[in-house]
Amino acid sequence: MSKIFYKGISFTPYEKNKSLVLTNLDLVKQDLLNHIFTRRGERIMMPRFGTRIPDLLMEPLDEITISTIELDLIDVFDYDPRVQLLDLRVLPLFEEKAIIAEADLRYIEMRFEDTFEIRLEFET
C-alpha cells in the first residue's frame, strides 16, 4: 500500500505527527469523520450534505436514535465513492451512554479492507 492514491491536509492530526499532510487511508478516514460530524444543512449549496448525528448526541439513547444514526452512517459511506460498505454494526452501550459503530469498509482503489470504528458519546 505504498502507492499514494489520495493526498490532502487536515489540522486535526497535527499535534500527533507534526504534519498537516494526510494520504490514502488516513485521509479517507478523516474525510468520513468530517462528513459524519457536519450538521445537515451546514454546507452552503449542499443542504442534504452531513448528518443528524451531532444533534442526536443531545437526545436520549433509545432505539429511534440508534436507528437514525445507523441510517445516517450508511448514507455517509454510500456517498463516498472511495469506499464500499461491507458491514455495519451499531452497538449501544446504555450504561456508558455511548454507541460504538463499526463499519467494515473496502477502500476501492487501494484494494484494501479495514474496520472503521467510531465511538459516539451522548450528553448526560
C-alpha atoms as a PDB file:
ATOM      1  CA  MET A   1       0.000   0.000   0.000  1.00  0.00           C
ATOM      2  CA  SER A   2       2.902   2.366  -0.659  1.00  0.00           C
ATOM      3  CA  LYS A   3       1.346   3.971  -3.730  1.00  0.00           C
ATOM      4  CA  ILE A   4      -0.316   7.320  -2.967  1.00  0.00           C
ATOM      5  CA  PHE A   5      -3.898   7.494  -4.243  1.00  0.00           C
ATOM      6  CA  TYR A   6      -5.137  10.478  -2.229  1.00  0.00           C
ATOM      7  CA  LYS A   7      -3.387  13.452  -0.688  1.00  0.00           C
ATOM      8  CA  GLY A   8      -4.860  16.257   1.399  1.00  0.00           C
ATOM      9  CA  ILE A   9      -4.452  18.304   4.541  1.00  0.00           C
ATOM     10  CA  SER A  10      -6.066  18.267   7.951  1.00  0.00           C
ATOM     11  CA  PHE A  11      -5.386  20.270  11.076  1.00  0.00           C
ATOM     12  CA  THR A  12      -6.682  17.504  13.357  1.00  0.00           C
ATOM     13  CA  PRO A  13      -3.625  15.182  13.476  1.00  0.00           C
ATOM     14  CA  TYR A  14      -1.036  17.975  13.573  1.00  0.00           C
ATOM     15  CA  GLU A  15      -0.263  17.604  17.291  1.00  0.00           C
ATOM     16  CA  LYS A  16       0.343  13.883  16.893  1.00  0.00           C
ATOM     17  CA  ASN A  17       2.698  13.793  13.907  1.00  0.00           C
ATOM     18  CA  LYS A  18       3.564  17.498  13.299  1.00  0.00           C
ATOM     19  CA  SER A  19       2.324  17.374   9.715  1.00  0.00           C
ATOM     20  CA  LEU A  20      -0.773  18.701   8.006  1.00  0.00           C
ATOM     21  CA  VAL A  21      -0.481  16.201   5.148  1.00  0.00           C
ATOM     22  CA  LEU A  22      -2.668  13.129   5.104  1.00  0.00           C
ATOM     23  CA  THR A  23      -2.599  10.438   2.460  1.00  0.00           C
ATOM     24  CA  ASN A  24      -4.595   7.398   1.447  1.00  0.00           C
ATOM     25  CA  LEU A  25      -6.275   5.606   4.348  1.00  0.00           C
ATOM     26  CA  ASP A  26      -5.752   8.404   6.879  1.00  0.00           C
ATOM     27  CA  LEU A  27      -7.233  10.984   4.518  1.00  0.00           C
ATOM     28  CA  VAL A  28     -10.278   8.887   3.656  1.00  0.00           C
ATOM     29  CA  LYS A  29     -10.972   8.203   7.345  1.00  0.00           C
ATOM     30  CA  GLN A  30     -10.646  11.892   8.211  1.00  0.00           C
ATOM     31  CA  ASP A  31     -12.985  12.811   5.343  1.00  0.00           C
ATOM     32  CA  LEU A  32     -15.542  10.292   6.617  1.00  0.00           C
ATOM     33  CA  LEU A  33     -15.316  11.763  10.132  1.00  0.00           C
ATOM     34  CA  ASN A  34     -15.700  15.272   8.724  1.00  0.00           C
ATOM     35  CA  HIS A  35     -18.823  14.184   6.867  1.00  0.00           C
ATOM     36  CA  ILE A  36     -20.269  12.441   9.937  1.00  0.00           C
ATOM     37  CA  PHE A  37     -19.776  15.476  12.183  1.00  0.00           C
ATOM     38  CA  THR A  38     -21.041  18.044   9.660  1.00  0.00           C
ATOM     39  CA  ARG A  39     -24.575  19.019  10.576  1.00  0.00           C
ATOM     40  CA  ARG A  40     -27.110  18.545   7.794  1.00  0.00           C
ATOM     41  CA  GLY A  41     -27.693  21.921   6.143  1.00  0.00           C
ATOM     42  CA  GLU A  42     -24.368  23.368   7.345  1.00  0.00           C
ATOM     43  CA  ARG A  43     -22.667  23.272   3.928  1.00  0.00           C
ATOM     44  CA  ILE A  44     -23.528  26.097   1.575  1.00  0.00           C
ATOM     45  CA  MET A  45     -25.347  24.990  -1.578  1.00  0.00           C
ATOM     46  CA  MET A  46     -25.492  21.408  -0.213  1.00  0.00           C
ATOM     47  CA  PRO A  47     -28.474  21.302   2.172  1.00  0.00           C
ATOM     48  CA  ARG A  48     -28.620  17.481   2.268  1.00  0.00           C
ATOM     49  CA  PHE A  49     -24.894  17.008   2.975  1.00  0.00           C
ATOM     50  CA  GLY A  50     -23.990  15.965   6.502  1.00  0.00           C
ATOM     51  CA  THR A  51     -25.787  14.008   9.200  1.00  0.00           C
ATOM     52  CA  ARG A  52     -28.116  14.451  12.124  1.00  0.00           C
ATOM     53  CA  ILE A  53     -25.579  12.733  14.393  1.00  0.00           C
ATOM     54  CA  PRO A  54     -24.145  15.875  16.091  1.00  0.00           C
ATOM     55  CA  ASP A  55     -27.671  16.876  17.119  1.00  0.00           C
ATOM     56  CA  LEU A  56     -28.703  13.365  18.153  1.00  0.00           C
ATOM     57  CA  LEU A  57     -25.941  13.212  20.761  1.00  0.00           C
ATOM     58  CA  MET A  58     -28.115  15.514  22.891  1.00  0.00           C
ATOM     59  CA  GLU A  59     -31.139  13.200  22.616  1.00  0.00           C
ATOM     60  CA  PRO A  60     -31.983  10.133  24.724  1.00  0.00           C
ATOM     61  CA  LEU A  61     -30.178   6.948  23.757  1.00  0.00           C
ATOM     62  CA  ASP A  62     -33.121   4.912  22.510  1.00  0.00           C
ATOM     63  CA  GLU A  63     -33.980   2.664  19.570  1.00  0.00           C
ATOM     64  CA  ILE A  64     -35.134   5.570  17.380  1.00  0.00           C
ATOM     65  CA  THR A  65     -31.849   7.425  17.907  1.00  0.00           C
ATOM     66  CA  ILE A  66     -29.821   4.273  17.250  1.00  0.00           C
ATOM     67  CA  SER A  67     -31.752   3.576  14.049  1.00  0.00           C
ATOM     68  CA  THR A  68     -31.334   7.169  12.836  1.00  0.00           C
ATOM     69  CA  ILE A  69     -27.582   7.065  13.479  1.00  0.00           C
ATOM     70  CA  GLU A  70     -27.304   3.788  11.594  1.00  0.00           C
ATOM     71  CA  LEU A  71     -29.171   5.203   8.579  1.00  0.00           C
ATOM     72  CA  ASP A  72     -27.049   8.368   8.566  1.00  0.00           C
ATOM     73  CA  LEU A  73     -23.830   6.335   8.717  1.00  0.00           C
ATOM     74  CA  ILE A  74     -24.986   4.198   5.795  1.00  0.00           C
ATOM     75  CA  ASP A  75     -25.672   7.408   3.840  1.00  0.00           C
ATOM     76  CA  VAL A  76     -22.150   8.718   4.590  1.00  0.00           C
ATOM     77  CA  PHE A  77     -20.468   5.507   3.415  1.00  0.00           C
ATOM     78  CA  ASP A  78     -22.684   5.314   0.317  1.00  0.00           C
ATOM     79  CA  TYR A  79     -21.889   8.958  -0.527  1.00  0.00           C
ATOM     80  CA  ASP A  80     -18.106   8.475  -0.629  1.00  0.00           C
ATOM     81  CA  PRO A  81     -17.049   6.785  -3.895  1.00  0.00           C
ATOM     82  CA  ARG A  82     -13.713   5.721  -2.400  1.00  0.00           C
ATOM     83  CA  VAL A  83     -15.291   3.182  -0.048  1.00  0.00           C
ATOM     84  CA  GLN A  84     -17.771   0.342  -0.207  1.00  0.00           C
ATOM     85  CA  LEU A  85     -19.671  -0.589   2.937  1.00  0.00           C
ATOM     86  CA  LEU A  86     -19.418  -4.322   3.574  1.00  0.00           C
ATOM     87  CA  ASP A  87     -20.995  -4.479   7.032  1.00  0.00           C
ATOM     88  CA  LEU A  88     -22.132  -2.035   9.715  1.00  0.00           C
ATOM     89  CA  ARG A  89     -22.605  -2.788  13.390  1.00  0.00           C
ATOM     90  CA  VAL A  90     -24.076  -0.162  15.694  1.00  0.00           C
ATOM     91  CA  LEU A  91     -23.628  -1.283  19.281  1.00  0.00           C
ATOM     92  CA  PRO A  92     -25.367   0.712  22.019  1.00  0.00           C
ATOM     93  CA  LEU A  93     -23.662   0.895  25.407  1.00  0.00           C
ATOM     94  CA  PHE A  94     -26.594   2.027  27.514  1.00  0.00           C
ATOM     95  CA  GLU A  95     -24.674   2.037  30.816  1.00  0.00           C
ATOM     96  CA  GLU A  96     -21.960   4.279  29.344  1.00  0.00           C
ATOM     97  CA  LYS A  97     -24.410   6.430  27.325  1.00  0.00           C
ATOM     98  CA  ALA A  98     -22.454   5.755  24.157  1.00  0.00           C
ATOM     99  CA  ILE A  99     -22.650   3.998  20.822  1.00  0.00           C
ATOM    100  CA  ILE A 100     -19.842   2.200  19.063  1.00  0.00           C
ATOM    101  CA  ALA A 101     -20.234   1.936  15.315  1.00  0.00           C
ATOM    102  CA  GLU A 102     -18.002  -0.458  13.422  1.00  0.00           C
ATOM    103  CA  ALA A 103     -18.059  -0.381   9.639  1.00  0.00           C
ATOM    104  CA  ASP A 104     -16.222  -2.927   7.565  1.00  0.00           C
ATOM    105  CA  LEU A 105     -15.137  -0.977   4.504  1.00  0.00           C
ATOM    106  CA  ARG A 106     -13.452  -1.821   1.239  1.00  0.00           C
ATOM    107  CA  TYR A 107     -11.185   1.008   0.082  1.00  0.00           C
ATOM    108  CA  ILE A 108     -11.840   0.519  -3.596  1.00  0.00           C
ATOM    109  CA  GLU A 109      -8.816   1.973  -5.386  1.00  0.00           C
ATOM    110  CA  MET A 110      -6.399   0.848  -2.683  1.00  0.00           C
ATOM    111  CA  ARG A 111      -7.806  -2.685  -2.816  1.00  0.00           C
ATOM    112  CA  PHE A 112      -7.773  -2.845   0.932  1.00  0.00           C
ATOM    113  CA  GLU A 113     -10.338  -3.752   3.592  1.00  0.00           C
ATOM    114  CA  ASP A 114     -10.391  -2.335   7.114  1.00  0.00           C
ATOM    115  CA  THR A 115     -12.723  -1.642  10.009  1.00  0.00           C
ATOM    116  CA  PHE A 116     -13.663   1.983  10.603  1.00  0.00           C
ATOM    117  CA  GLU A 117     -14.644   2.450  14.228  1.00  0.00           C
ATOM    118  CA  ILE A 118     -16.226   5.455  15.883  1.00  0.00           C
ATOM    119  CA  ARG A 119     -17.436   5.981  19.436  1.00  0.00           C
ATOM    120  CA  LEU A 120     -20.274   8.454  19.961  1.00  0.00           C
ATOM    121  CA  GLU A 121     -20.707   9.805  23.478  1.00  0.00           C
ATOM    122  CA  PHE A 122     -24.146  11.072  24.494  1.00  0.00           C
ATOM    123  CA  GLU A 123     -24.628  14.063  26.784  1.00  0.00           C
ATOM    124  CA  THR A 124     -25.994  13.174  30.182  1.00  0.00           C
END
